[in-house]
Amino acid sequence: MFALPSRYEGFGIASLEGMGFGLPAVASAAGGAGSVVTDGADGVLVAPGDVAAVRDALAGLAADRERLAAMGRAALARFAAHPPWTETVAGVAGFLGDVAGDAAPSRPTTPEVADGG
């Protein structure tokens, strides 16, 4: 298991990286972790500050090894399905280009970039 019961997580990257090792995540339902962790499938989402819910989630998974293993497999699958950073950055760049009215975002034209170094 990977536990990060923070009060707020901006993206959920730590949970996602743990899932890449087959670790179901116990994470806060506040913030970005909810977009990465599917409650009951590849992890458990808890209310921010709910210590009892964190304890119950950890104890429940520790006691049910079959469920823990199934959630670990689901966590690996979730990680594998997540787009790589190159794809994510390309999507963001495209979106920002659309917002700016450009088909493709321009690169800086400093001599270092123009000369490749």
PDB file of N, CA and C in Angstrom:
ATOM      1  N   MET A   1       0.838  -1.179   0.000  1.00  0.00           N
ATOM      2  CA  MET A   1       0.000   0.000   0.000  1.00  0.00           C
ATOM      3  C   MET A   1       0.879   1.237   0.000  1.00  0.00           C
ATOM      4  N   PHE A   2       0.351   2.290  -0.578  1.00  0.00           N
ATOM      5  CA  PHE A   2       0.969   3.600  -0.521  1.00  0.00           C
ATOM      6  C   PHE A   2      -0.042   4.529   0.135  1.00  0.00           C
ATOM      7  N   ALA A   3       0.352   5.170   1.210  1.00  0.00           N
ATOM      8  CA  ALA A   3      -0.574   6.045   1.932  1.00  0.00           C
ATOM      9  C   ALA A   3      -0.068   7.479   1.911  1.00  0.00           C
ATOM     10  N   LEU A   4      -0.923   8.370   1.441  1.00  0.00           N
ATOM     11  CA  LEU A   4      -0.635   9.799   1.439  1.00  0.00           C
ATOM     12  C   LEU A   4      -1.938  10.529   1.770  1.00  0.00           C
ATOM     13  N   PRO A   5      -2.322  10.482   3.037  1.00  0.00           N
ATOM     14  CA  PRO A   5      -3.602  11.100   3.429  1.00  0.00           C
ATOM     15  C   PRO A   5      -3.468  12.598   3.685  1.00  0.00           C
ATOM     16  N   SER A   6      -2.947  13.320   2.704  1.00  0.00           N
ATOM     17  CA  SER A   6      -2.756  14.756   2.861  1.00  0.00           C
ATOM     18  C   SER A   6      -4.098  15.481   2.870  1.00  0.00           C
ATOM     19  N   ARG A   7      -4.084  16.696   3.308  1.00  0.00           N
ATOM     20  CA  ARG A   7      -5.313  17.494   3.304  1.00  0.00           C
ATOM     21  C   ARG A   7      -5.648  17.958   1.884  1.00  0.00           C
ATOM     22  N   TYR A   8      -4.629  18.089   1.038  1.00  0.00           N
ATOM     23  CA  TYR A   8      -4.847  18.487  -0.345  1.00  0.00           C
ATOM     24  C   TYR A   8      -3.646  18.052  -1.170  1.00  0.00           C
ATOM     25  N   GLU A   9      -3.893  17.481  -2.296  1.00  0.00           N
ATOM     26  CA  GLU A   9      -2.838  17.061  -3.222  1.00  0.00           C
ATOM     27  C   GLU A   9      -3.174  17.667  -4.580  1.00  0.00           C
ATOM     28  N   GLY A  10      -2.287  18.494  -5.096  1.00  0.00           N
ATOM     29  CA  GLY A  10      -2.575  19.219  -6.325  1.00  0.00           C
ATOM     30  C   GLY A  10      -2.798  18.345  -7.544  1.00  0.00           C
ATOM     31  N   PHE A  11      -2.011  17.303  -7.711  1.00  0.00           N
ATOM     32  CA  PHE A  11      -2.150  16.464  -8.900  1.00  0.00           C
ATOM     33  C   PHE A  11      -2.349  14.998  -8.552  1.00  0.00           C
ATOM     34  N   GLY A  12      -1.678  14.506  -7.550  1.00  0.00           N
ATOM     35  CA  GLY A  12      -1.757  13.084  -7.230  1.00  0.00           C
ATOM     36  C   GLY A  12      -0.605  12.295  -7.806  1.00  0.00           C
ATOM     37  N   ILE A  13       0.469  12.974  -8.190  1.00  0.00           N
ATOM     38  CA  ILE A  13       1.604  12.312  -8.829  1.00  0.00           C
ATOM     39  C   ILE A  13       2.249  11.283  -7.905  1.00  0.00           C
ATOM     40  N   ALA A  14       2.328  11.573  -6.622  1.00  0.00           N
ATOM     41  CA  ALA A  14       2.946  10.605  -5.703  1.00  0.00           C
ATOM     42  C   ALA A  14       2.129   9.319  -5.658  1.00  0.00           C
ATOM     43  N   SER A  15       0.821   9.445  -5.620  1.00  0.00           N
ATOM     44  CA  SER A  15      -0.044   8.261  -5.633  1.00  0.00           C
ATOM     45  C   SER A  15       0.126   7.494  -6.933  1.00  0.00           C
ATOM     46  N   LEU A  16       0.160   8.200  -8.043  1.00  0.00           N
ATOM     47  CA  LEU A  16       0.313   7.555  -9.345  1.00  0.00           C
ATOM     48  C   LEU A  16       1.644   6.826  -9.440  1.00  0.00           C
ATOM     49  N   GLU A  17       2.707   7.429  -8.939  1.00  0.00           N
ATOM     50  CA  GLU A  17       4.008   6.772  -8.985  1.00  0.00           C
ATOM     51  C   GLU A  17       4.022   5.526  -8.114  1.00  0.00           C
ATOM     52  N   GLY A  18       3.385   5.577  -6.956  1.00  0.00           N
ATOM     53  CA  GLY A  18       3.269   4.382  -6.125  1.00  0.00           C
ATOM     54  C   GLY A  18       2.498   3.283  -6.837  1.00  0.00           C
ATOM     55  N   MET A  19       1.472   3.679  -7.568  1.00  0.00           N
ATOM     56  CA  MET A  19       0.663   2.716  -8.311  1.00  0.00           C
ATOM     57  C   MET A  19       1.502   2.026  -9.384  1.00  0.00           C
ATOM     58  N   GLY A  20       2.522   2.714  -9.887  1.00  0.00           N
ATOM     59  CA  GLY A  20       3.425   2.128 -10.862  1.00  0.00           C
ATOM     60  C   GLY A  20       4.223   0.966 -10.302  1.00  0.00           C
ATOM     61  N   PHE A  21       4.260   0.838  -8.984  1.00  0.00           N
ATOM     62  CA  PHE A  21       4.916  -0.287  -8.319  1.00  0.00           C
ATOM     63  C   PHE A  21       3.899  -1.307  -7.814  1.00  0.00           C
ATOM     64  N   GLY A  22       2.648  -1.152  -8.254  1.00  0.00           N
ATOM     65  CA  GLY A  22       1.599  -2.086  -7.852  1.00  0.00           C
ATOM     66  C   GLY A  22       1.065  -1.833  -6.461  1.00  0.00           C
ATOM     67  N   LEU A  23       1.213  -0.616  -5.983  1.00  0.00           N
ATOM     68  CA  LEU A  23       0.742  -0.275  -4.642  1.00  0.00           C
ATOM     69  C   LEU A  23      -0.592   0.452  -4.709  1.00  0.00           C
ATOM     70  N   PRO A  24      -1.654  -0.131  -4.166  1.00  0.00           N
ATOM     71  CA  PRO A  24      -2.909   0.611  -4.076  1.00  0.00           C
ATOM     72  C   PRO A  24      -2.679   1.845  -3.209  1.00  0.00           C
ATOM     73  N   ALA A  25      -3.318   2.934  -3.551  1.00  0.00           N
ATOM     74  CA  ALA A  25      -3.116   4.182  -2.832  1.00  0.00           C
ATOM     75  C   ALA A  25      -4.246   4.427  -1.841  1.00  0.00           C
ATOM     76  N   VAL A  26      -3.880   4.873  -0.667  1.00  0.00           N
ATOM     77  CA  VAL A  26      -4.831   5.403   0.305  1.00  0.00           C
ATOM     78  C   VAL A  26      -4.541   6.900   0.323  1.00  0.00           C
ATOM     79  N   ALA A  27      -5.457   7.667  -0.261  1.00  0.00           N
ATOM     80  CA  ALA A  27      -5.184   9.085  -0.484  1.00  0.00           C
ATOM     81  C   ALA A  27      -6.399   9.932  -0.145  1.00  0.00           C
ATOM     82  N   SER A  28      -6.146  11.207  -0.007  1.00  0.00           N
ATOM     83  CA  SER A  28      -7.205  12.165   0.290  1.00  0.00           C
ATOM     84  C   SER A  28      -8.098  12.373  -0.921  1.00  0.00           C
ATOM     85  N   ALA A  29      -9.376  12.473  -0.674  1.00  0.00           N
ATOM     86  CA  ALA A  29     -10.337  12.730  -1.750  1.00  0.00           C
ATOM     87  C   ALA A  29     -10.280  14.182  -2.199  1.00  0.00           C
ATOM     88  N   ALA A  30      -9.580  15.028  -1.469  1.00  0.00           N
ATOM     89  CA  ALA A  30      -9.460  16.440  -1.838  1.00  0.00           C
ATOM     90  C   ALA A  30      -8.320  16.629  -2.819  1.00  0.00           C
ATOM     91  N   GLY A  31      -8.555  17.408  -3.834  1.00  0.00           N
ATOM     92  CA  GLY A  31      -7.505  17.722  -4.786  1.00  0.00           C
ATOM     93  C   GLY A  31      -7.372  16.702  -5.898  1.00  0.00           C
ATOM     94  N   GLY A  32      -6.177  16.634  -6.460  1.00  0.00           N
ATOM     95  CA  GLY A  32      -5.937  15.848  -7.657  1.00  0.00           C
ATOM     96  C   GLY A  32      -5.859  14.350  -7.487  1.00  0.00           C
ATOM     97  N   ALA A  33      -5.683  13.858  -6.282  1.00  0.00           N
ATOM     98  CA  ALA A  33      -5.586  12.409  -6.102  1.00  0.00           C
ATOM     99  C   ALA A  33      -6.859  11.710  -6.573  1.00  0.00           C
ATOM    100  N   GLY A  34      -7.990  12.378  -6.444  1.00  0.00           N
ATOM    101  CA  GLY A  34      -9.249  11.788  -6.891  1.00  0.00           C
ATOM    102  C   GLY A  34      -9.325  11.579  -8.390  1.00  0.00           C
ATOM    103  N   SER A  35      -8.487  12.275  -9.150  1.00  0.00           N
ATOM    104  CA  SER A  35      -8.469  12.065 -10.598  1.00  0.00           C
ATOM    105  C   SER A  35      -7.525  10.933 -10.983  1.00  0.00           C
ATOM    106  N   VAL A  36      -6.751  10.454 -10.028  1.00  0.00           N
ATOM    107  CA  VAL A  36      -5.794   9.373 -10.282  1.00  0.00           C
ATOM    108  C   VAL A  36      -6.257   8.074  -9.633  1.00  0.00           C
ATOM    109  N   VAL A  37      -6.763   8.158  -8.423  1.00  0.00           N
ATOM    110  CA  VAL A  37      -7.178   6.984  -7.656  1.00  0.00           C
ATOM    111  C   VAL A  37      -8.673   6.753  -7.854  1.00  0.00           C
ATOM    112  N   THR A  38      -9.031   5.534  -8.231  1.00  0.00           N
ATOM    113  CA  THR A  38     -10.439   5.161  -8.342  1.00  0.00           C
ATOM    114  C   THR A  38     -10.809   4.428  -7.060  1.00  0.00           C
ATOM    115  N   ASP A  39     -11.606   5.089  -6.235  1.00  0.00           N
ATOM    116  CA  ASP A  39     -11.955   4.562  -4.920  1.00  0.00           C
ATOM    117  C   ASP A  39     -12.553   3.156  -5.021  1.00  0.00           C
ATOM    118  N   GLY A  40     -11.948   2.232  -4.298  1.00  0.00           N
ATOM    119  CA  GLY A  40     -12.434   0.863  -4.255  1.00  0.00           C
ATOM    120  C   GLY A  40     -11.890  -0.029  -5.352  1.00  0.00           C
ATOM    121  N   ALA A  41     -11.272   0.556  -6.366  1.00  0.00           N
ATOM    122  CA  ALA A  41     -10.739  -0.250  -7.464  1.00  0.00           C
ATOM    123  C   ALA A  41      -9.218  -0.380  -7.376  1.00  0.00           C
ATOM    124  N   ASP A  42      -8.516   0.752  -7.359  1.00  0.00           N
ATOM    125  CA  ASP A  42      -7.058   0.727  -7.292  1.00  0.00           C
ATOM    126  C   ASP A  42      -6.525   1.472  -6.072  1.00  0.00           C
ATOM    127  N   GLY A  43      -7.428   1.816  -5.181  1.00  0.00           N
ATOM    128  CA  GLY A  43      -7.051   2.506  -3.967  1.00  0.00           C
ATOM    129  C   GLY A  43      -8.285   2.895  -3.174  1.00  0.00           C
ATOM    130  N   VAL A  44      -8.049   3.666  -2.149  1.00  0.00           N
ATOM    131  CA  VAL A  44      -9.133   4.125  -1.279  1.00  0.00           C
ATOM    132  C   VAL A  44      -8.970   5.624  -1.087  1.00  0.00           C
ATOM    133  N   LEU A  45     -10.049   6.353  -1.308  1.00  0.00           N
ATOM    134  CA  LEU A  45     -10.048   7.791  -1.067  1.00  0.00           C
ATOM    135  C   LEU A  45     -10.716   8.061   0.271  1.00  0.00           C
ATOM    136  N   VAL A  46     -10.091   8.910   1.054  1.00  0.00           N
ATOM    137  CA  VAL A  46     -10.613   9.248   2.376  1.00  0.00           C
ATOM    138  C   VAL A  46     -10.823  10.755   2.467  1.00  0.00           C
ATOM    139  N   ALA A  47     -11.707  11.153   3.326  1.00  0.00           N
ATOM    140  CA  ALA A  47     -11.941  12.582   3.547  1.00  0.00           C
ATOM    141  C   ALA A  47     -10.716  13.196   4.212  1.00  0.00           C
ATOM    142  N   PRO A  48     -10.369  14.419   3.821  1.00  0.00           N
ATOM    143  CA  PRO A  48      -9.221  15.085   4.436  1.00  0.00           C
ATOM    144  C   PRO A  48      -9.381  15.171   5.953  1.00  0.00           C
ATOM    145  N   GLY A  49      -8.341  14.791   6.663  1.00  0.00           N
ATOM    146  CA  GLY A  49      -8.345  14.873   8.112  1.00  0.00           C
ATOM    147  C   GLY A  49      -9.066  13.749   8.823  1.00  0.00           C
ATOM    148  N   ASP A  50      -9.605  12.782   8.096  1.00  0.00           N
ATOM    149  CA  ASP A  50     -10.349  11.677   8.713  1.00  0.00           C
ATOM    150  C   ASP A  50      -9.389  10.545   9.070  1.00  0.00           C
ATOM    151  N   VAL A  51      -8.800  10.653  10.243  1.00  0.00           N
ATOM    152  CA  VAL A  51      -7.804   9.692  10.696  1.00  0.00           C
ATOM    153  C   VAL A  51      -8.399   8.288  10.809  1.00  0.00           C
ATOM    154  N   ALA A  52      -9.619   8.186  11.272  1.00  0.00           N
ATOM    155  CA  ALA A  52     -10.271   6.877  11.407  1.00  0.00           C
ATOM    156  C   ALA A  52     -10.438   6.202  10.049  1.00  0.00           C
ATOM    157  N   ALA A  53     -10.767   6.975   9.025  1.00  0.00           N
ATOM    158  CA  ALA A  53     -10.938   6.408   7.682  1.00  0.00           C
ATOM    159  C   ALA A  53      -9.609   5.899   7.133  1.00  0.00           C
ATOM    160  N   VAL A  54      -8.529   6.618   7.403  1.00  0.00           N
ATOM    161  CA  VAL A  54      -7.201   6.160   6.978  1.00  0.00           C
ATOM    162  C   VAL A  54      -6.865   4.853   7.691  1.00  0.00           C
ATOM    163  N   ARG A  55      -7.062   4.830   9.009  1.00  0.00           N
ATOM    164  CA  ARG A  55      -6.790   3.626   9.790  1.00  0.00           C
ATOM    165  C   ARG A  55      -7.612   2.450   9.275  1.00  0.00           C
ATOM    166  N   ASP A  56      -8.896   2.667   9.033  1.00  0.00           N
ATOM    167  CA  ASP A  56      -9.770   1.595   8.567  1.00  0.00           C
ATOM    168  C   ASP A  56      -9.369   1.096   7.182  1.00  0.00           C
ATOM    169  N   ALA A  57      -8.983   2.006   6.305  1.00  0.00           N
ATOM    170  CA  ALA A  57      -8.561   1.610   4.962  1.00  0.00           C
ATOM    171  C   ALA A  57      -7.297   0.765   5.019  1.00  0.00           C
ATOM    172  N   LEU A  58      -6.323   1.199   5.796  1.00  0.00           N
ATOM    173  CA  LEU A  58      -5.073   0.449   5.922  1.00  0.00           C
ATOM    174  C   LEU A  58      -5.305  -0.915   6.568  1.00  0.00           C
ATOM    175  N   ALA A  59      -6.072  -0.929   7.640  1.00  0.00           N
ATOM    176  CA  ALA A  59      -6.347  -2.194   8.336  1.00  0.00           C
ATOM    177  C   ALA A  59      -7.148  -3.139   7.455  1.00  0.00           C
ATOM    178  N   GLY A  60      -8.121  -2.607   6.739  1.00  0.00           N
ATOM    179  CA  GLY A  60      -8.944  -3.441   5.876  1.00  0.00           C
ATOM    180  C   GLY A  60      -8.138  -4.090   4.770  1.00  0.00           C
ATOM    181  N   LEU A  61      -7.257  -3.341   4.141  1.00  0.00           N
ATOM    182  CA  LEU A  61      -6.429  -3.902   3.081  1.00  0.00           C
ATOM    183  C   LEU A  61      -5.393  -4.876   3.636  1.00  0.00           C
ATOM    184  N   ALA A  62      -4.844  -4.569   4.797  1.00  0.00           N
ATOM    185  CA  ALA A  62      -3.870  -5.477   5.412  1.00  0.00           C
ATOM    186  C   ALA A  62      -4.515  -6.808   5.786  1.00  0.00           C
ATOM    187  N   ALA A  63      -5.769  -6.774   6.168  1.00  0.00           N
ATOM    188  CA  ALA A  63      -6.465  -7.995   6.588  1.00  0.00           C
ATOM    189  C   ALA A  63      -6.983  -8.817   5.412  1.00  0.00           C
ATOM    190  N   ASP A  64      -7.188  -8.182   4.269  1.00  0.00           N
ATOM    191  CA  ASP A  64      -7.750  -8.878   3.107  1.00  0.00           C
ATOM    192  C   ASP A  64      -6.711  -8.891   1.994  1.00  0.00           C
ATOM    193  N   ARG A  65      -5.830  -9.878   2.044  1.00  0.00           N
ATOM    194  CA  ARG A  65      -4.708  -9.943   1.110  1.00  0.00           C
ATOM    195  C   ARG A  65      -5.167 -10.136  -0.335  1.00  0.00           C
ATOM    196  N   GLU A  66      -6.263 -10.843  -0.535  1.00  0.00           N
ATOM    197  CA  GLU A  66      -6.762 -11.026  -1.903  1.00  0.00           C
ATOM    198  C   GLU A  66      -7.233  -9.693  -2.485  1.00  0.00           C
ATOM    199  N   ARG A  67      -7.936  -8.929  -1.687  1.00  0.00           N
ATOM    200  CA  ARG A  67      -8.382  -7.605  -2.147  1.00  0.00           C
ATOM    201  C   ARG A  67      -7.182  -6.700  -2.380  1.00  0.00           C
ATOM    202  N   LEU A  68      -6.206  -6.763  -1.495  1.00  0.00           N
ATOM    203  CA  LEU A  68      -4.989  -5.970  -1.645  1.00  0.00           C
ATOM    204  C   LEU A  68      -4.289  -6.322  -2.959  1.00  0.00           C
ATOM    205  N   ALA A  69      -4.166  -7.617  -3.248  1.00  0.00           N
ATOM    206  CA  ALA A  69      -3.513  -8.051  -4.487  1.00  0.00           C
ATOM    207  C   ALA A  69      -4.302  -7.594  -5.716  1.00  0.00           C
ATOM    208  N   ALA A  70      -5.612  -7.708  -5.668  1.00  0.00           N
ATOM    209  CA  ALA A  70      -6.445  -7.284  -6.797  1.00  0.00           C
ATOM    210  C   ALA A  70      -6.318  -5.775  -7.020  1.00  0.00           C
ATOM    211  N   MET A  71      -6.325  -5.031  -5.938  1.00  0.00           N
ATOM    212  CA  MET A  71      -6.175  -3.583  -6.064  1.00  0.00           C
ATOM    213  C   MET A  71      -4.779  -3.220  -6.560  1.00  0.00           C
ATOM    214  N   GLY A  72      -3.774  -4.008  -6.173  1.00  0.00           N
ATOM    215  CA  GLY A  72      -2.419  -3.785  -6.669  1.00  0.00           C
ATOM    216  C   GLY A  72      -2.333  -3.989  -8.175  1.00  0.00           C
ATOM    217  N   ARG A  73      -2.996  -5.021  -8.676  1.00  0.00           N
ATOM    218  CA  ARG A  73      -3.030  -5.252 -10.128  1.00  0.00           C
ATOM    219  C   ARG A  73      -3.770  -4.114 -10.835  1.00  0.00           C
ATOM    220  N   ALA A  74      -4.857  -3.656 -10.234  1.00  0.00           N
ATOM    221  CA  ALA A  74      -5.604  -2.540 -10.810  1.00  0.00           C
ATOM    222  C   ALA A  74      -4.769  -1.257 -10.787  1.00  0.00           C
ATOM    223  N   ALA A  75      -3.975  -1.082  -9.737  1.00  0.00           N
ATOM    224  CA  ALA A  75      -3.105   0.090  -9.644  1.00  0.00           C
ATOM    225  C   ALA A  75      -2.071   0.072 -10.767  1.00  0.00           C
ATOM    226  N   LEU A  76      -1.488  -1.086 -11.027  1.00  0.00           N
ATOM    227  CA  LEU A  76      -0.529  -1.198 -12.134  1.00  0.00           C
ATOM    228  C   LEU A  76      -1.193  -0.868 -13.468  1.00  0.00           C
ATOM    229  N   ALA A  77      -2.393  -1.379 -13.663  1.00  0.00           N
ATOM    230  CA  ALA A  77      -3.118  -1.111 -14.909  1.00  0.00           C
ATOM    231  C   ALA A  77      -3.437   0.377 -15.037  1.00  0.00           C
ATOM    232  N   ARG A  78      -3.820   1.007 -13.947  1.00  0.00           N
ATOM    233  CA  ARG A  78      -4.125   2.444 -13.966  1.00  0.00           C
ATOM    234  C   ARG A  78      -2.894   3.243 -14.324  1.00  0.00           C
ATOM    235  N   PHE A  79      -1.759   2.863 -13.737  1.00  0.00           N
ATOM    236  CA  PHE A  79      -0.499   3.540 -14.036  1.00  0.00           C
ATOM    237  C   PHE A  79      -0.151   3.383 -15.515  1.00  0.00           C
ATOM    238  N   ALA A  80      -0.274   2.169 -16.031  1.00  0.00           N
ATOM    239  CA  ALA A  80       0.060   1.898 -17.432  1.00  0.00           C
ATOM    240  C   ALA A  80      -0.854   2.663 -18.389  1.00  0.00           C
ATOM    241  N   ALA A  81      -2.095   2.898 -17.993  1.00  0.00           N
ATOM    242  CA  ALA A  81      -3.048   3.601 -18.846  1.00  0.00           C
ATOM    243  C   ALA A  81      -2.862   5.116 -18.821  1.00  0.00           C
ATOM    244  N   HIS A  82      -2.134   5.607 -17.827  1.00  0.00           N
ATOM    245  CA  HIS A  82      -1.941   7.049 -17.716  1.00  0.00           C
ATOM    246  C   HIS A  82      -0.993   7.510 -18.817  1.00  0.00           C
ATOM    247  N   PRO A  83      -1.304   8.629 -19.481  1.00  0.00           N
ATOM    248  CA  PRO A  83      -0.425   9.080 -20.563  1.00  0.00           C
ATOM    249  C   PRO A  83       0.962   9.462 -20.038  1.00  0.00           C
ATOM    250  N   PRO A  84       1.990   9.204 -20.843  1.00  0.00           N
ATOM    251  CA  PRO A  84       3.341   9.604 -20.425  1.00  0.00           C
ATOM    252  C   PRO A  84       3.473  11.127 -20.424  1.00  0.00           C
ATOM    253  N   TRP A  85       4.519  11.623 -19.766  1.00  0.00           N
ATOM    254  CA  TRP A  85       4.698  13.072 -19.650  1.00  0.00           C
ATOM    255  C   TRP A  85       4.811  13.750 -21.006  1.00  0.00           C
ATOM    256  N   THR A  86       5.446  13.097 -21.977  1.00  0.00           N
ATOM    257  CA  THR A  86       5.576  13.725 -23.297  1.00  0.00           C
ATOM    258  C   THR A  86       4.205  13.986 -23.908  1.00  0.00           C
ATOM    259  N   GLU A  87       3.296  13.042 -23.746  1.00  0.00           N
ATOM    260  CA  GLU A  87       1.938  13.217 -24.271  1.00  0.00           C
ATOM    261  C   GLU A  87       1.178  14.289 -23.484  1.00  0.00           C
ATOM    262  N   THR A  88       1.354  14.291 -22.181  1.00  0.00           N
ATOM    263  CA  THR A  88       0.692  15.290 -21.339  1.00  0.00           C
ATOM    264  C   THR A  88       1.171  16.692 -21.697  1.00  0.00           C
ATOM    265  N   VAL A  89       2.488  16.860 -21.832  1.00  0.00           N
ATOM    266  CA  VAL A  89       3.051  18.167 -22.169  1.00  0.00           C
ATOM    267  C   VAL A  89       2.587  18.603 -23.557  1.00  0.00           C
ATOM    268  N   ALA A  90       2.553  17.678 -24.514  1.00  0.00           N
ATOM    269  CA  ALA A  90       2.086  18.023 -25.857  1.00  0.00           C
ATOM    270  C   ALA A  90       0.632  18.484 -25.817  1.00  0.00           C
ATOM    271  N   GLY A  91      -0.196  17.823 -25.010  1.00  0.00           N
ATOM    272  CA  GLY A  91      -1.593  18.234 -24.871  1.00  0.00           C
ATOM    273  C   GLY A  91      -1.727  19.609 -24.268  1.00  0.00           C
ATOM    274  N   VAL A  92      -0.944  19.884 -23.245  1.00  0.00           N
ATOM    275  CA  VAL A  92      -0.981  21.207 -22.609  1.00  0.00           C
ATOM    276  C   VAL A  92      -0.493  22.267 -23.586  1.00  0.00           C
ATOM    277  N   ALA A  93       0.596  21.968 -24.291  1.00  0.00           N
ATOM    278  CA  ALA A  93       1.133  22.929 -25.264  1.00  0.00           C
ATOM    279  C   ALA A  93       0.108  23.207 -26.364  1.00  0.00           C
ATOM    280  N   GLY A  94      -0.565  22.170 -26.840  1.00  0.00           N
ATOM    281  CA  GLY A  94      -1.595  22.362 -27.857  1.00  0.00           C
ATOM    282  C   GLY A  94      -2.743  23.213 -27.353  1.00  0.00           C
ATOM    283  N   PHE A  95      -3.167  22.927 -26.129  1.00  0.00           N
ATOM    284  CA  PHE A  95      -4.239  23.711 -25.521  1.00  0.00           C
ATOM    285  C   PHE A  95      -3.842  25.176 -25.396  1.00  0.00           C
ATOM    286  N   LEU A  96      -2.644  25.411 -24.889  1.00  0.00           N
ATOM    287  CA  LEU A  96      -2.187  26.792 -24.735  1.00  0.00           C
ATOM    288  C   LEU A  96      -2.023  27.474 -26.088  1.00  0.00           C
ATOM    289  N   GLY A  97      -1.576  26.724 -27.087  1.00  0.00           N
ATOM    290  CA  GLY A  97      -1.485  27.281 -28.435  1.00  0.00           C
ATOM    291  C   GLY A  97      -2.845  27.680 -28.958  1.00  0.00           C
ATOM    292  N   ASP A  98      -3.856  26.832 -28.703  1.00  0.00           N
ATOM    293  CA  ASP A  98      -5.224  27.157 -29.113  1.00  0.00           C
ATOM    294  C   ASP A  98      -5.729  28.406 -28.399  1.00  0.00           C
ATOM    295  N   VAL A  99      -5.450  28.494 -27.116  1.00  0.00           N
ATOM    296  CA  VAL A  99      -5.875  29.663 -26.341  1.00  0.00           C
ATOM    297  C   VAL A  99      -5.214  30.926 -26.879  1.00  0.00           C
ATOM    298  N   ALA A 100      -3.935  30.802 -27.234  1.00  0.00           N
ATOM    299  CA  ALA A 100      -3.196  31.956 -27.744  1.00  0.00           C
ATOM    300  C   ALA A 100      -3.517  32.250 -29.204  1.00  0.00           C
ATOM    301  N   GLY A 101      -4.228  31.320 -29.872  1.00  0.00           N
ATOM    302  CA  GLY A 101      -4.579  31.532 -31.259  1.00  0.00           C
ATOM    303  C   GLY A 101      -3.546  31.025 -32.240  1.00  0.00           C
ATOM    304  N   ASP A 102      -2.569  30.286 -31.769  1.00  0.00           N
ATOM    305  CA  ASP A 102      -1.535  29.727 -32.628  1.00  0.00           C
ATOM    306  C   ASP A 102      -1.806  28.255 -32.863  1.00  0.00           C
ATOM    307  N   ALA A 103      -1.427  27.767 -34.023  1.00  0.00           N
ATOM    308  CA  ALA A 103      -1.561  26.336 -34.315  1.00  0.00           C
ATOM    309  C   ALA A 103      -0.550  25.544 -33.494  1.00  0.00           C
ATOM    310  N   ALA A 104       0.623  26.098 -33.316  1.00  0.00           N
ATOM    311  CA  ALA A 104       1.659  25.441 -32.512  1.00  0.00           C
ATOM    312  C   ALA A 104       2.366  26.515 -31.710  1.00  0.00           C
ATOM    313  N   PRO A 105       2.651  26.230 -30.449  1.00  0.00           N
ATOM    314  CA  PRO A 105       3.349  27.229 -29.650  1.00  0.00           C
ATOM    315  C   PRO A 105       4.735  27.495 -30.223  1.00  0.00           C
ATOM    316  N   SER A 106       5.147  28.745 -30.187  1.00  0.00           N
ATOM    317  CA  SER A 106       6.466  29.075 -30.711  1.00  0.00           C
ATOM    318  C   SER A 106       7.532  28.790 -29.673  1.00  0.00           C
ATOM    319  N   ARG A 107       8.728  28.494 -30.173  1.00  0.00           N
ATOM    320  CA  ARG A 107       9.872  28.279 -29.293  1.00  0.00           C
ATOM    321  C   ARG A 107      10.626  29.589 -29.165  1.00  0.00           C
ATOM    322  N   PRO A 108      11.322  29.763 -28.061  1.00  0.00           N
ATOM    323  CA  PRO A 108      12.129  30.975 -27.917  1.00  0.00           C
ATOM    324  C   PRO A 108      13.152  31.044 -29.043  1.00  0.00           C
ATOM    325  N   THR A 109      13.501  32.242 -29.464  1.00  0.00           N
ATOM    326  CA  THR A 109      14.457  32.405 -30.558  1.00  0.00           C
ATOM    327  C   THR A 109      15.782  32.937 -30.048  1.00  0.00           C
ATOM    328  N   THR A 110      16.185  32.519 -28.863  1.00  0.00           N
ATOM    329  CA  THR A 110      17.478  32.919 -28.353  1.00  0.00           C
ATOM    330  C   THR A 110      18.551  32.170 -29.119  1.00  0.00           C
ATOM    331  N   PRO A 111      19.761  32.715 -29.198  1.00  0.00           N
ATOM    332  CA  PRO A 111      20.823  32.031 -29.937  1.00  0.00           C
ATOM    333  C   PRO A 111      21.088  30.590 -29.459  1.00  0.00           C
ATOM    334  N   GLU A 112      20.958  30.359 -28.151  1.00  0.00           N
ATOM    335  CA  GLU A 112      21.197  29.008 -27.624  1.00  0.00           C
ATOM    336  C   GLU A 112      20.222  28.009 -28.226  1.00  0.00           C
ATOM    337  N   VAL A 113      18.954  28.397 -28.345  1.00  0.00           N
ATOM    338  CA  VAL A 113      17.940  27.505 -28.892  1.00  0.00           C
ATOM    339  C   VAL A 113      18.129  27.355 -30.389  1.00  0.00           C
ATOM    340  N   ALA A 114      18.370  28.460 -31.083  1.00  0.00           N
ATOM    341  CA  ALA A 114      18.529  28.428 -32.528  1.00  0.00           C
ATOM    342  C   ALA A 114      19.738  27.587 -32.930  1.00  0.00           C
ATOM    343  N   ASP A 115      20.808  27.625 -32.120  1.00  0.00           N
ATOM    344  CA  ASP A 115      22.023  26.865 -32.439  1.00  0.00           C
ATOM    345  C   ASP A 115      21.997  25.470 -31.872  1.00  0.00           C
ATOM    346  N   GLY A 116      20.923  25.112 -31.190  1.00  0.00           N
ATOM    347  CA  GLY A 116      20.816  23.778 -30.613  1.00  0.00           C
ATOM    348  C   GLY A 116      21.527  23.616 -29.298  1.00  0.00           C
ATOM    349  N   GLY A 117      21.940  24.652 -28.650  1.00  0.00           N
ATOM    350  CA  GLY A 117      22.616  24.441 -27.379  1.00  0.00           C
ATOM    351  C   GLY A 117      22.675  25.650 -26.602  1.00  0.00           C
TER     352      GLY A 117
END
